[in-house]
Amino acid sequence: MELAKITTKGQITLPISIRRQLNLKDGDKVAFIEKDGNYILVNPVSLAIDKVREAFKGEAERLGLKNEEDVTKMIKELRKEKKQS
């Protein structure tokens, strides 16, 4: 468990170990998520990626994409179709 002190301005300094775990750099923003009366500090970029990942869960299999080469091929085909329209 890590502790942080709140200043009179309501600011805290996140311990370096937490910043590293969340991959936070100077100027990054953090999000606070309420869950069952507790607040969880998260990296909003990671949260967005997780939501996208969840939204697309199973899509690769549905589209027959087995590897990066399949994805690249699909993107090239979509770009070609877009140019033709």
Protein backbone atom coordinates (compact mmCIF):
# COMPACT_ATOMS: atom_id res chain seq x y z
CA MET A 1 0.00 0.00 0.00
CA GLU A 2 1.22 3.47 -0.90
CA LEU A 3 0.16 6.71 0.79
CA ALA A 4 0.02 10.26 -0.55
CA LYS A 5 -0.54 13.46 1.41
CA ILE A 6 -3.14 15.99 0.26
CA THR A 7 -1.96 19.62 0.16
CA THR A 8 -4.10 22.60 1.16
CA LYS A 9 -4.84 23.03 -2.57
CA GLY A 10 -6.18 19.46 -2.81
CA GLN A 11 -3.14 18.21 -4.71
CA ILE A 12 -1.32 14.93 -4.19
CA THR A 13 1.96 13.54 -5.42
CA LEU A 14 1.63 10.01 -6.73
CA PRO A 15 4.41 7.75 -5.52
CA ILE A 16 6.89 6.81 -8.25
CA SER A 17 6.02 3.10 -7.98
CA ILE A 18 2.38 3.84 -8.82
CA ARG A 19 3.31 6.21 -11.67
CA ARG A 20 5.50 3.49 -13.13
CA GLN A 21 2.81 0.81 -12.81
CA LEU A 22 0.28 3.06 -14.53
CA ASN A 23 2.86 4.23 -17.08
CA LEU A 24 2.18 7.88 -16.21
CA LYS A 25 4.48 10.66 -17.36
CA ASP A 26 4.64 14.40 -16.61
CA GLY A 27 1.50 16.12 -17.84
CA ASP A 28 -0.57 12.92 -18.12
CA LYS A 29 -4.08 12.87 -16.70
CA VAL A 30 -5.56 10.28 -14.38
CA ALA A 31 -9.15 9.16 -13.94
CA PHE A 32 -10.95 8.23 -10.75
CA ILE A 33 -13.58 5.50 -11.06
CA GLU A 34 -16.09 4.89 -8.29
CA LYS A 35 -16.83 1.27 -7.55
CA ASP A 36 -18.84 0.13 -4.54
CA GLY A 37 -18.06 3.33 -2.61
CA ASN A 38 -14.31 3.13 -3.31
CA TYR A 39 -12.36 5.12 -5.85
CA ILE A 40 -9.86 3.54 -8.20
CA LEU A 41 -7.12 5.60 -9.86
CA VAL A 42 -6.54 4.61 -13.48
CA ASN A 43 -4.61 5.75 -16.51
CA PRO A 44 -7.44 6.95 -18.83
CA VAL A 45 -5.50 5.94 -21.95
CA SER A 46 -5.21 2.37 -20.68
CA LEU A 47 -8.88 2.45 -19.70
CA ALA A 48 -9.88 3.55 -23.21
CA ILE A 49 -7.75 0.83 -24.78
CA ASP A 50 -9.34 -1.77 -22.49
CA LYS A 51 -12.82 -0.58 -23.48
CA VAL A 52 -11.97 -0.76 -27.18
CA ARG A 53 -10.44 -4.20 -26.69
CA GLU A 54 -13.62 -5.39 -24.95
CA ALA A 55 -15.86 -3.86 -27.62
CA PHE A 56 -13.96 -5.70 -30.37
CA LYS A 57 -13.65 -8.97 -28.48
CA GLY A 58 -14.31 -11.83 -30.91
CA GLU A 59 -14.26 -9.60 -34.00
CA ALA A 60 -10.88 -10.84 -35.23
CA GLU A 61 -12.13 -14.42 -35.20
CA ARG A 62 -15.41 -13.39 -36.84
CA LEU A 63 -13.49 -11.60 -39.61
CA GLY A 64 -11.02 -14.47 -40.03
CA LEU A 65 -8.02 -12.44 -38.85
CA LYS A 66 -5.39 -14.77 -37.45
CA ASN A 67 -2.28 -12.59 -37.41
CA GLU A 68 -0.85 -9.16 -38.17
CA GLU A 69 -0.47 -10.04 -41.84
CA ASP A 70 -4.22 -10.69 -42.10
CA VAL A 71 -4.95 -7.31 -40.49
CA THR A 72 -2.57 -5.51 -42.86
CA LYS A 73 -4.16 -7.22 -45.86
CA MET A 74 -7.66 -6.23 -44.70
CA ILE A 75 -6.59 -2.59 -44.21
CA LYS A 76 -5.07 -2.45 -47.71
CA GLU A 77 -8.28 -3.87 -49.19
CA LEU A 78 -10.42 -1.32 -47.31
CA ARG A 79 -8.21 1.55 -48.49
CA LYS A 80 -8.42 0.29 -52.06
CA GLU A 81 -12.23 0.13 -51.84
CA LYS A 82 -12.37 3.64 -50.41
CA LYS A 83 -10.25 5.06 -53.26
CA GLN A 84 -12.55 3.44 -55.82
CA SER A 85 -15.71 4.96 -54.33
